[in-house]
All heavy atoms as atom14 arrays in JSON, in Angstrom:
{
  "sequence": "GVVPHLDDLDDYRYTGHSALLSTVPRDWQSTE",
  "atom14_mask": [
    [1, 1, 1, 1, 0, 0, 0, 0, 0, 0, 0, 0, 0, 0],
    [1, 1, 1, 1, 1, 1, 1, 0, 0, 0, 0, 0, 0, 0],
    [1, 1, 1, 1, 1, 1, 1, 0, 0, 0, 0, 0, 0, 0],
    [1, 1, 1, 1, 1, 1, 1, 0, 0, 0, 0, 0, 0, 0],
    [1, 1, 1, 1, 1, 1, 1, 1, 1, 1, 0, 0, 0, 0],
    [1, 1, 1, 1, 1, 1, 1, 1, 0, 0, 0, 0, 0, 0],
    [1, 1, 1, 1, 1, 1, 1, 1, 0, 0, 0, 0, 0, 0],
    [1, 1, 1, 1, 1, 1, 1, 1, 0, 0, 0, 0, 0, 0],
    [1, 1, 1, 1, 1, 1, 1, 1, 0, 0, 0, 0, 0, 0],
    [1, 1, 1, 1, 1, 1, 1, 1, 0, 0, 0, 0, 0, 0],
    [1, 1, 1, 1, 1, 1, 1, 1, 0, 0, 0, 0, 0, 0],
    [1, 1, 1, 1, 1, 1, 1, 1, 1, 1, 1, 1, 0, 0],
    [1, 1, 1, 1, 1, 1, 1, 1, 1, 1, 1, 0, 0, 0],
    [1, 1, 1, 1, 1, 1, 1, 1, 1, 1, 1, 1, 0, 0],
    [1, 1, 1, 1, 1, 1, 1, 0, 0, 0, 0, 0, 0, 0],
    [1, 1, 1, 1, 0, 0, 0, 0, 0, 0, 0, 0, 0, 0],
    [1, 1, 1, 1, 1, 1, 1, 1, 1, 1, 0, 0, 0, 0],
    [1, 1, 1, 1, 1, 1, 0, 0, 0, 0, 0, 0, 0, 0],
    [1, 1, 1, 1, 1, 0, 0, 0, 0, 0, 0, 0, 0, 0],
    [1, 1, 1, 1, 1, 1, 1, 1, 0, 0, 0, 0, 0, 0],
    [1, 1, 1, 1, 1, 1, 1, 1, 0, 0, 0, 0, 0, 0],
    [1, 1, 1, 1, 1, 1, 0, 0, 0, 0, 0, 0, 0, 0],
    [1, 1, 1, 1, 1, 1, 1, 0, 0, 0, 0, 0, 0, 0],
    [1, 1, 1, 1, 1, 1, 1, 0, 0, 0, 0, 0, 0, 0],
    [1, 1, 1, 1, 1, 1, 1, 0, 0, 0, 0, 0, 0, 0],
    [1, 1, 1, 1, 1, 1, 1, 1, 1, 1, 1, 0, 0, 0],
    [1, 1, 1, 1, 1, 1, 1, 1, 0, 0, 0, 0, 0, 0],
    [1, 1, 1, 1, 1, 1, 1, 1, 1, 1, 1, 1, 1, 1],
    [1, 1, 1, 1, 1, 1, 1, 1, 1, 0, 0, 0, 0, 0],
    [1, 1, 1, 1, 1, 1, 0, 0, 0, 0, 0, 0, 0, 0],
    [1, 1, 1, 1, 1, 1, 1, 0, 0, 0, 0, 0, 0, 0],
    [1, 1, 1, 1, 1, 1, 1, 1, 1, 0, 0, 0, 0, 0]
  ],
  "atom14_positions": [
    [[131.44, 121.44, 128.21], [130.03, 121.69, 128.47], [129.56, 123.1, 128.12], [128.45, 123.49, 128.49], [0.0, 0.0, 0.0], [0.0, 0.0, 0.0], [0.0, 0.0, 0.0], [0.0, 0.0, 0.0], [0.0, 0.0, 0.0], [0.0, 0.0, 0.0], [0.0, 0.0, 0.0], [0.0, 0.0, 0.0], [0.0, 0.0, 0.0], [0.0, 0.0, 0.0]],
    [[130.37, 123.87, 127.4], [129.96, 125.22, 127.0], [128.9, 125.14, 125.91], [127.97, 125.94, 125.88], [131.18, 126.05, 126.54], [130.77, 127.4, 126.0], [132.17, 126.2, 127.69], [0.0, 0.0, 0.0], [0.0, 0.0, 0.0], [0.0, 0.0, 0.0], [0.0, 0.0, 0.0], [0.0, 0.0, 0.0], [0.0, 0.0, 0.0], [0.0, 0.0, 0.0]],
    [[129.03, 124.17, 125.0], [127.99, 123.87, 124.0], [127.58, 122.42, 124.21], [128.41, 121.57, 124.55], [128.46, 124.12, 122.55], [128.8, 125.58, 122.31], [129.64, 123.25, 122.18], [0.0, 0.0, 0.0], [0.0, 0.0, 0.0], [0.0, 0.0, 0.0], [0.0, 0.0, 0.0], [0.0, 0.0, 0.0], [0.0, 0.0, 0.0], [0.0, 0.0, 0.0]],
    [[126.29, 122.11, 124.0], [125.82, 120.76, 124.34], [126.09, 119.69, 123.28], [126.23, 118.52, 123.62], [124.31, 120.95, 124.54], [123.97, 122.17, 123.76], [125.19, 123.03, 123.76], [0.0, 0.0, 0.0], [0.0, 0.0, 0.0], [0.0, 0.0, 0.0], [0.0, 0.0, 0.0], [0.0, 0.0, 0.0], [0.0, 0.0, 0.0], [0.0, 0.0, 0.0]],
    [[126.16, 120.08, 121.99], [126.28, 119.08, 120.92], [127.24, 119.58, 119.85], [127.45, 120.78, 119.69], [124.91, 118.82, 120.27], [123.87, 118.38, 121.25], [123.9, 117.14, 121.86], [122.78, 119.01, 121.74], [122.87, 117.03, 122.67], [122.18, 118.16, 122.63], [0.0, 0.0, 0.0], [0.0, 0.0, 0.0], [0.0, 0.0, 0.0], [0.0, 0.0, 0.0]],
    [[127.76, 118.64, 119.08], [128.67, 118.99, 117.99], [128.01, 119.93, 116.99], [128.64, 120.86, 116.5], [129.18, 117.72, 117.29], [130.2, 117.92, 116.17], [131.44, 118.66, 116.68], [130.58, 116.6, 115.55], [0.0, 0.0, 0.0], [0.0, 0.0, 0.0], [0.0, 0.0, 0.0], [0.0, 0.0, 0.0], [0.0, 0.0, 0.0], [0.0, 0.0, 0.0]],
    [[126.73, 119.72, 116.71], [126.03, 120.61, 115.78], [126.03, 122.05, 116.29], [126.1, 122.99, 115.5], [124.59, 120.14, 115.54], [124.54, 118.85, 114.73], [125.53, 118.51, 114.06], [123.5, 118.17, 114.78], [0.0, 0.0, 0.0], [0.0, 0.0, 0.0], [0.0, 0.0, 0.0], [0.0, 0.0, 0.0], [0.0, 0.0, 0.0], [0.0, 0.0, 0.0]],
    [[125.94, 122.23, 117.6], [125.99, 123.58, 118.19], [127.39, 124.18, 118.04], [127.53, 125.39, 117.87], [125.6, 123.53, 119.67], [124.18, 123.03, 119.86], [123.27, 123.52, 119.16], [123.99, 122.13, 120.71], [0.0, 0.0, 0.0], [0.0, 0.0, 0.0], [0.0, 0.0, 0.0], [0.0, 0.0, 0.0], [0.0, 0.0, 0.0], [0.0, 0.0, 0.0]],
    [[128.4, 123.34, 118.12], [129.77, 123.81, 117.96], [130.0, 124.36, 116.56], [130.77, 125.31, 116.38], [130.75, 122.66, 118.25], [132.23, 123.0, 118.28], [132.56, 123.95, 119.43], [133.06, 121.73, 118.39], [0.0, 0.0, 0.0], [0.0, 0.0, 0.0], [0.0, 0.0, 0.0], [0.0, 0.0, 0.0], [0.0, 0.0, 0.0], [0.0, 0.0, 0.0]],
    [[129.31, 123.8, 115.57], [129.48, 124.24, 114.18], [129.19, 125.72, 114.0], [129.76, 126.36, 113.12], [128.59, 123.43, 113.24], [129.02, 121.97, 113.13], [130.12, 121.61, 113.59], [128.21, 121.18, 112.58], [0.0, 0.0, 0.0], [0.0, 0.0, 0.0], [0.0, 0.0, 0.0], [0.0, 0.0, 0.0], [0.0, 0.0, 0.0], [0.0, 0.0, 0.0]],
    [[128.28, 126.27, 114.81], [127.89, 127.68, 114.71], [128.4, 128.53, 115.87], [128.09, 129.71, 115.96], [126.36, 127.79, 114.66], [125.77, 127.11, 113.45], [126.34, 127.25, 112.35], [124.74, 126.43, 113.61], [0.0, 0.0, 0.0], [0.0, 0.0, 0.0], [0.0, 0.0, 0.0], [0.0, 0.0, 0.0], [0.0, 0.0, 0.0], [0.0, 0.0, 0.0]],
    [[129.15, 127.93, 116.77], [129.61, 128.64, 117.97], [130.65, 129.67, 117.58], [131.67, 129.35, 116.95], [130.17, 127.63, 118.97], [130.52, 128.22, 120.3], [129.57, 128.85, 121.09], [131.83, 128.12, 120.78], [129.91, 129.39, 122.32], [132.17, 128.65, 122.01], [131.21, 129.29, 122.78], [131.54, 129.82, 124.0], [0.0, 0.0, 0.0], [0.0, 0.0, 0.0]],
    [[130.43, 130.91, 117.95], [131.28, 132.0, 117.46], [132.55, 132.23, 118.27], [133.35, 133.09, 117.93], [130.47, 133.28, 117.34], [130.04, 133.88, 118.63], [129.19, 135.09, 118.37], [129.17, 135.93, 119.54], [128.13, 136.58, 119.96], [127.0, 136.51, 119.31], [128.2, 137.34, 121.02], [0.0, 0.0, 0.0], [0.0, 0.0, 0.0], [0.0, 0.0, 0.0]],
    [[132.75, 131.46, 119.34], [133.94, 131.65, 120.17], [134.94, 130.51, 120.02], [135.62, 130.12, 120.97], [133.55, 131.88, 121.63], [132.7, 133.13, 121.76], [131.38, 133.05, 122.19], [133.22, 134.37, 121.43], [130.6, 134.2, 122.29], [132.45, 135.52, 121.51], [131.14, 135.42, 121.95], [130.37, 136.56, 122.03], [0.0, 0.0, 0.0], [0.0, 0.0, 0.0]],
    [[135.02, 130.0, 118.81], [136.03, 129.0, 118.45], [136.29, 129.11, 116.96], [135.42, 129.54, 116.19], [135.57, 127.58, 118.84], [136.59, 126.66, 118.48], [134.31, 127.18, 118.17], [0.0, 0.0, 0.0], [0.0, 0.0, 0.0], [0.0, 0.0, 0.0], [0.0, 0.0, 0.0], [0.0, 0.0, 0.0], [0.0, 0.0, 0.0], [0.0, 0.0, 0.0]],
    [[137.48, 128.71, 116.56], [137.84, 128.74, 115.15], [137.18, 127.65, 114.33], [137.24, 127.68, 113.1], [0.0, 0.0, 0.0], [0.0, 0.0, 0.0], [0.0, 0.0, 0.0], [0.0, 0.0, 0.0], [0.0, 0.0, 0.0], [0.0, 0.0, 0.0], [0.0, 0.0, 0.0], [0.0, 0.0, 0.0], [0.0, 0.0, 0.0], [0.0, 0.0, 0.0]],
    [[136.55, 126.69, 114.97], [135.86, 125.6, 114.27], [134.82, 126.16, 113.3], [134.74, 125.73, 112.15], [135.21, 124.67, 115.3], [134.37, 123.58, 114.73], [134.92, 122.46, 114.14], [133.02, 123.42, 114.68], [133.94, 121.66, 113.74], [132.79, 122.21, 114.06], [0.0, 0.0, 0.0], [0.0, 0.0, 0.0], [0.0, 0.0, 0.0], [0.0, 0.0, 0.0]],
    [[134.04, 127.13, 113.76], [132.99, 127.71, 112.92], [133.57, 128.45, 111.71], [132.96, 128.46, 110.63], [132.09, 128.64, 113.74], [132.86, 129.64, 114.39], [0.0, 0.0, 0.0], [0.0, 0.0, 0.0], [0.0, 0.0, 0.0], [0.0, 0.0, 0.0], [0.0, 0.0, 0.0], [0.0, 0.0, 0.0], [0.0, 0.0, 0.0], [0.0, 0.0, 0.0]],
    [[134.75, 129.02, 111.85], [135.39, 129.68, 110.7], [135.88, 128.64, 109.7], [135.77, 128.86, 108.48], [136.55, 130.54, 111.17], [0.0, 0.0, 0.0], [0.0, 0.0, 0.0], [0.0, 0.0, 0.0], [0.0, 0.0, 0.0], [0.0, 0.0, 0.0], [0.0, 0.0, 0.0], [0.0, 0.0, 0.0], [0.0, 0.0, 0.0], [0.0, 0.0, 0.0]],
    [[136.38, 127.51, 110.18], [136.82, 126.45, 109.27], [135.64, 125.89, 108.47], [135.8, 125.48, 107.32], [137.53, 125.34, 110.03], [138.94, 125.7, 110.51], [139.45, 124.69, 111.51], [139.89, 125.81, 109.33], [0.0, 0.0, 0.0], [0.0, 0.0, 0.0], [0.0, 0.0, 0.0], [0.0, 0.0, 0.0], [0.0, 0.0, 0.0], [0.0, 0.0, 0.0]],
    [[134.47, 125.88, 109.09], [133.27, 125.4, 108.38], [132.58, 126.51, 107.6], [131.57, 126.26, 106.94], [132.29, 124.78, 109.39], [132.79, 123.52, 110.09], [131.74, 123.03, 111.07], [133.15, 122.44, 109.09], [0.0, 0.0, 0.0], [0.0, 0.0, 0.0], [0.0, 0.0, 0.0], [0.0, 0.0, 0.0], [0.0, 0.0, 0.0], [0.0, 0.0, 0.0]],
    [[133.07, 127.73, 107.68], [132.5, 128.91, 107.01], [131.12, 129.29, 107.52], [130.35, 129.93, 106.82], [132.45, 128.72, 105.48], [133.74, 128.73, 104.95], [0.0, 0.0, 0.0], [0.0, 0.0, 0.0], [0.0, 0.0, 0.0], [0.0, 0.0, 0.0], [0.0, 0.0, 0.0], [0.0, 0.0, 0.0], [0.0, 0.0, 0.0], [0.0, 0.0, 0.0]],
    [[130.78, 128.91, 108.74], [129.51, 129.34, 109.31], [129.64, 130.68, 110.03], [128.67, 131.42, 110.13], [128.94, 128.28, 110.28], [129.89, 128.01, 111.3], [128.59, 127.0, 109.54], [0.0, 0.0, 0.0], [0.0, 0.0, 0.0], [0.0, 0.0, 0.0], [0.0, 0.0, 0.0], [0.0, 0.0, 0.0], [0.0, 0.0, 0.0], [0.0, 0.0, 0.0]],
    [[130.84, 130.99, 110.53], [131.14, 132.29, 111.11], [132.43, 132.77, 110.47], [133.52, 132.3, 110.84], [131.29, 132.22, 112.65], [131.63, 133.59, 113.22], [130.04, 131.66, 113.3], [0.0, 0.0, 0.0], [0.0, 0.0, 0.0], [0.0, 0.0, 0.0], [0.0, 0.0, 0.0], [0.0, 0.0, 0.0], [0.0, 0.0, 0.0], [0.0, 0.0, 0.0]],
    [[132.35, 133.63, 109.46], [133.57, 134.05, 108.75], [134.51, 134.86, 109.65], [134.07, 135.7, 110.42], [133.05, 134.93, 107.6], [131.57, 134.84, 107.63], [131.15, 134.23, 108.91], [0.0, 0.0, 0.0], [0.0, 0.0, 0.0], [0.0, 0.0, 0.0], [0.0, 0.0, 0.0], [0.0, 0.0, 0.0], [0.0, 0.0, 0.0], [0.0, 0.0, 0.0]],
    [[135.78, 134.55, 109.53], [136.84, 135.28, 110.23], [137.96, 135.5, 109.23], [138.75, 134.59, 108.96], [137.38, 134.46, 111.41], [136.35, 134.03, 112.42], [136.14, 135.07, 113.46], [135.25, 134.57, 114.5], [134.52, 135.33, 115.26], [134.59, 136.63, 115.13], [133.73, 134.82, 116.18], [0.0, 0.0, 0.0], [0.0, 0.0, 0.0], [0.0, 0.0, 0.0]],
    [[138.01, 136.7, 108.65], [139.0, 136.95, 107.6], [140.44, 136.89, 108.11], [141.37, 136.73, 107.34], [138.74, 138.29, 106.91], [138.91, 139.5, 107.82], [139.02, 139.33, 109.06], [138.93, 140.62, 107.29], [0.0, 0.0, 0.0], [0.0, 0.0, 0.0], [0.0, 0.0, 0.0], [0.0, 0.0, 0.0], [0.0, 0.0, 0.0], [0.0, 0.0, 0.0]],
    [[140.63, 136.99, 109.4], [141.97, 136.97, 109.99], [142.44, 135.56, 110.34], [143.61, 135.37, 110.63], [142.0, 137.86, 111.23], [140.91, 137.58, 112.22], [139.69, 138.21, 112.27], [140.89, 136.6, 113.25], [138.93, 137.68, 113.28], [139.64, 136.68, 113.91], [141.81, 135.65, 113.69], [139.3, 135.87, 114.97], [141.47, 134.83, 114.76], [140.23, 134.95, 115.39]],
    [[141.55, 134.58, 110.35], [141.93, 133.22, 110.7], [142.52, 132.5, 109.49], [142.0, 132.6, 108.39], [140.73, 132.44, 111.25], [141.12, 131.07, 111.78], [139.97, 130.35, 112.45], [139.05, 130.98, 112.96], [140.02, 129.04, 112.44], [0.0, 0.0, 0.0], [0.0, 0.0, 0.0], [0.0, 0.0, 0.0], [0.0, 0.0, 0.0], [0.0, 0.0, 0.0]],
    [[143.57, 131.76, 109.7], [144.27, 131.03, 108.63], [143.58, 129.7, 108.36], [144.11, 128.63, 108.67], [145.74, 130.83, 109.01], [146.37, 132.06, 109.19], [0.0, 0.0, 0.0], [0.0, 0.0, 0.0], [0.0, 0.0, 0.0], [0.0, 0.0, 0.0], [0.0, 0.0, 0.0], [0.0, 0.0, 0.0], [0.0, 0.0, 0.0], [0.0, 0.0, 0.0]],
    [[142.41, 129.77, 107.74], [141.62, 128.56, 107.5], [142.18, 127.72, 106.36], [142.12, 126.49, 106.41], [140.15, 128.91, 107.2], [140.11, 129.8, 106.08], [139.49, 129.57, 108.4], [0.0, 0.0, 0.0], [0.0, 0.0, 0.0], [0.0, 0.0, 0.0], [0.0, 0.0, 0.0], [0.0, 0.0, 0.0], [0.0, 0.0, 0.0], [0.0, 0.0, 0.0]],
    [[142.72, 128.37, 105.34], [143.21, 127.62, 104.18], [144.31, 126.64, 104.55], [144.36, 125.53, 104.05], [143.7, 128.57, 103.07], [142.64, 129.47, 102.5], [142.41, 130.73, 103.33], [143.24, 131.06, 104.2], [141.36, 131.37, 103.12], [0.0, 0.0, 0.0], [0.0, 0.0, 0.0], [0.0, 0.0, 0.0], [0.0, 0.0, 0.0], [0.0, 0.0, 0.0]]
  ]
}
């Protein structure tokens, strides 16, 4: 319940999900 919808999760900056989608870049996360 921290974010209400999956679309909100796509841009949520406190999870690696957004880095995998390239919406919040994290150069240190092993996305590849």
